[in-house]
């Protein structure tokens, strides 16, 4: 059974034929949709720019989103470790204040 798939992503007048893993198609389709949405936002918000400038704006926007999510995601394991410790500190402080 072949687990690859040939797809064509379309961005305006550009086409991008690709061979991908079948189980990753959803991610490529979601990425295509995100790029089209952000590209459309920049073309409507900043008229008169070149296609290349819109593409740079789009790529920068998506890269920033990715880095923000990465930073937030990296903090979560630390927060999970700290939450029980903070709860213990709060409990100890509450007990101290009751005396």
C-alpha atoms as a PDB file:
ATOM      1  CA  UNK A   1       0.000   0.000   0.000  1.00  0.00           C
ATOM      2  CA  UNK A   2       1.428   3.341  -1.094  1.00  0.00           C
ATOM      3  CA  UNK A   3       1.386   5.871   1.721  1.00  0.00           C
ATOM      4  CA  UNK A   4       2.278   8.852  -0.477  1.00  0.00           C
ATOM      5  CA  UNK A   5      -0.086  11.195  -2.224  1.00  0.00           C
ATOM      6  CA  UNK A   6       0.372  13.700  -5.050  1.00  0.00           C
ATOM      7  CA  UNK A   7      -1.320  17.017  -4.356  1.00  0.00           C
ATOM      8  CA  UNK A   8      -1.225  20.486  -5.849  1.00  0.00           C
ATOM      9  CA  UNK A   9      -1.343  23.502  -3.597  1.00  0.00           C
ATOM     10  CA  UNK A  10      -2.601  26.712  -5.174  1.00  0.00           C
ATOM     11  CA  UNK A  11      -1.689  30.236  -4.144  1.00  0.00           C
ATOM     12  CA  UNK A  12      -3.192  32.792  -6.516  1.00  0.00           C
ATOM     13  CA  UNK A  13      -1.693  32.119  -9.923  1.00  0.00           C
ATOM     14  CA  UNK A  14       1.036  29.913  -8.437  1.00  0.00           C
ATOM     15  CA  UNK A  15       0.757  26.155  -8.220  1.00  0.00           C
ATOM     16  CA  UNK A  16       2.949  23.875  -6.174  1.00  0.00           C
ATOM     17  CA  UNK A  17       2.746  20.176  -7.050  1.00  0.00           C
ATOM     18  CA  UNK A  18       4.020  17.965  -4.240  1.00  0.00           C
ATOM     19  CA  UNK A  19       4.299  14.350  -3.223  1.00  0.00           C
ATOM     20  CA  UNK A  20       3.593  14.021   0.474  1.00  0.00           C
ATOM     21  CA  UNK A  21       2.818  11.377   3.059  1.00  0.00           C
ATOM     22  CA  UNK A  22      -0.873  10.562   2.936  1.00  0.00           C
ATOM     23  CA  UNK A  23      -1.293  11.033   6.692  1.00  0.00           C
ATOM     24  CA  UNK A  24       0.061  14.595   6.441  1.00  0.00           C
ATOM     25  CA  UNK A  25      -2.370  15.840   3.790  1.00  0.00           C
ATOM     26  CA  UNK A  26      -4.564  17.551   6.368  1.00  0.00           C
ATOM     27  CA  UNK A  27      -1.601  19.629   7.550  1.00  0.00           C
ATOM     28  CA  UNK A  28      -0.708  20.715   4.033  1.00  0.00           C
ATOM     29  CA  UNK A  29      -4.331  21.674   3.357  1.00  0.00           C
ATOM     30  CA  UNK A  30      -4.534  23.610   6.627  1.00  0.00           C
ATOM     31  CA  UNK A  31      -1.248  25.364   5.829  1.00  0.00           C
ATOM     32  CA  UNK A  32      -2.517  26.247   2.355  1.00  0.00           C
ATOM     33  CA  UNK A  33      -5.673  27.733   3.879  1.00  0.00           C
ATOM     34  CA  UNK A  34      -3.714  29.703   6.484  1.00  0.00           C
ATOM     35  CA  UNK A  35      -1.346  31.126   3.870  1.00  0.00           C
ATOM     36  CA  UNK A  36      -4.267  32.156   1.654  1.00  0.00           C
ATOM     37  CA  UNK A  37      -6.044  33.821   4.589  1.00  0.00           C
ATOM     38  CA  UNK A  38      -2.988  35.774   5.746  1.00  0.00           C
ATOM     39  CA  UNK A  39      -1.990  36.689   2.167  1.00  0.00           C
ATOM     40  CA  UNK A  40      -5.532  37.957   1.561  1.00  0.00           C
ATOM     41  CA  UNK A  41      -5.399  39.989   4.767  1.00  0.00           C
ATOM     42  CA  UNK A  42      -2.186  41.718   3.703  1.00  0.00           C
ATOM     43  CA  UNK A  43      -3.326  42.369   0.130  1.00  0.00           C
ATOM     44  CA  UNK A  44      -6.496  44.045   1.393  1.00  0.00           C
ATOM     45  CA  UNK A  45      -4.784  45.907   4.241  1.00  0.00           C
ATOM     46  CA  UNK A  46      -1.783  47.188   2.267  1.00  0.00           C
ATOM     47  CA  UNK A  47      -2.856  47.728  -1.351  1.00  0.00           C
ATOM     48  CA  UNK A  48      -0.325  48.477  -4.055  1.00  0.00           C
ATOM     49  CA  UNK A  49       2.509  46.252  -2.840  1.00  0.00           C
ATOM     50  CA  UNK A  50       4.246  43.619  -4.934  1.00  0.00           C
ATOM     51  CA  UNK A  51       3.306  39.949  -4.671  1.00  0.00           C
ATOM     52  CA  UNK A  52       6.741  39.322  -3.201  1.00  0.00           C
ATOM     53  CA  UNK A  53       6.121  41.894  -0.435  1.00  0.00           C
ATOM     54  CA  UNK A  54       2.769  40.287   0.402  1.00  0.00           C
ATOM     55  CA  UNK A  55       4.500  36.929   0.525  1.00  0.00           C
ATOM     56  CA  UNK A  56       7.178  38.268   2.890  1.00  0.00           C
ATOM     57  CA  UNK A  57       4.496  39.785   5.145  1.00  0.00           C
ATOM     58  CA  UNK A  58       2.624  36.484   5.148  1.00  0.00           C
ATOM     59  CA  UNK A  59       5.686  34.400   5.927  1.00  0.00           C
ATOM     60  CA  UNK A  60       6.743  36.768   8.710  1.00  0.00           C
ATOM     61  CA  UNK A  61       3.248  36.709  10.227  1.00  0.00           C
ATOM     62  CA  UNK A  62       3.095  32.916  10.230  1.00  0.00           C
ATOM     63  CA  UNK A  63       6.670  32.584  11.532  1.00  0.00           C
ATOM     64  CA  UNK A  64       5.856  34.945  14.417  1.00  0.00           C
ATOM     65  CA  UNK A  65       2.738  32.945  15.263  1.00  0.00           C
ATOM     66  CA  UNK A  66       4.807  29.779  15.256  1.00  0.00           C
ATOM     67  CA  UNK A  67       7.498  31.227  17.522  1.00  0.00           C
ATOM     68  CA  UNK A  68       4.903  32.590  19.968  1.00  0.00           C
ATOM     69  CA  UNK A  69       3.197  29.199  20.158  1.00  0.00           C
ATOM     70  CA  UNK A  70       6.558  27.506  20.583  1.00  0.00           C
ATOM     71  CA  UNK A  71       7.452  29.818  23.464  1.00  0.00           C
ATOM     72  CA  UNK A  72       4.070  29.270  25.125  1.00  0.00           C
ATOM     73  CA  UNK A  73       4.321  25.538  24.593  1.00  0.00           C
ATOM     74  CA  UNK A  74       7.784  25.347  26.093  1.00  0.00           C
ATOM     75  CA  UNK A  75       6.603  27.068  29.262  1.00  0.00           C
ATOM     76  CA  UNK A  76       3.744  24.648  29.913  1.00  0.00           C
ATOM     77  CA  UNK A  77       5.823  21.734  31.277  1.00  0.00           C
ATOM     78  CA  UNK A  78       7.497  24.113  33.724  1.00  0.00           C
ATOM     79  CA  UNK A  79       4.135  25.538  34.765  1.00  0.00           C
ATOM     80  CA  UNK A  80       2.797  22.034  35.336  1.00  0.00           C
ATOM     81  CA  UNK A  81       5.665  21.357  37.699  1.00  0.00           C
ATOM     82  CA  UNK A  82       5.253  24.673  39.513  1.00  0.00           C
ATOM     83  CA  UNK A  83       1.484  24.542  40.065  1.00  0.00           C
ATOM     84  CA  UNK A  84       1.588  21.887  42.818  1.00  0.00           C
ATOM     85  CA  UNK A  85       4.477  23.682  44.504  1.00  0.00           C
ATOM     86  CA  UNK A  86       2.591  26.983  44.416  1.00  0.00           C
ATOM     87  CA  UNK A  87      -0.473  25.269  45.870  1.00  0.00           C
ATOM     88  CA  UNK A  88       1.646  23.934  48.731  1.00  0.00           C
ATOM     89  CA  UNK A  89       3.104  27.385  49.384  1.00  0.00           C
ATOM     90  CA  UNK A  90      -0.374  28.929  49.387  1.00  0.00           C
ATOM     91  CA  UNK A  91      -1.631  26.250  51.778  1.00  0.00           C
ATOM     92  CA  UNK A  92       1.333  26.825  54.101  1.00  0.00           C
ATOM     93  CA  UNK A  93       0.763  30.590  54.017  1.00  0.00           C
ATOM     94  CA  UNK A  94      -2.955  30.151  54.727  1.00  0.00           C
ATOM     95  CA  UNK A  95      -2.134  27.931  57.724  1.00  0.00           C
ATOM     96  CA  UNK A  96       0.400  30.471  58.989  1.00  0.00           C
ATOM     97  CA  UNK A  97      -2.150  33.287  58.677  1.00  0.00           C
ATOM     98  CA  UNK A  98      -4.727  31.245  60.640  1.00  0.00           C
ATOM     99  CA  UNK A  99      -2.444  31.113  63.707  1.00  0.00           C
END
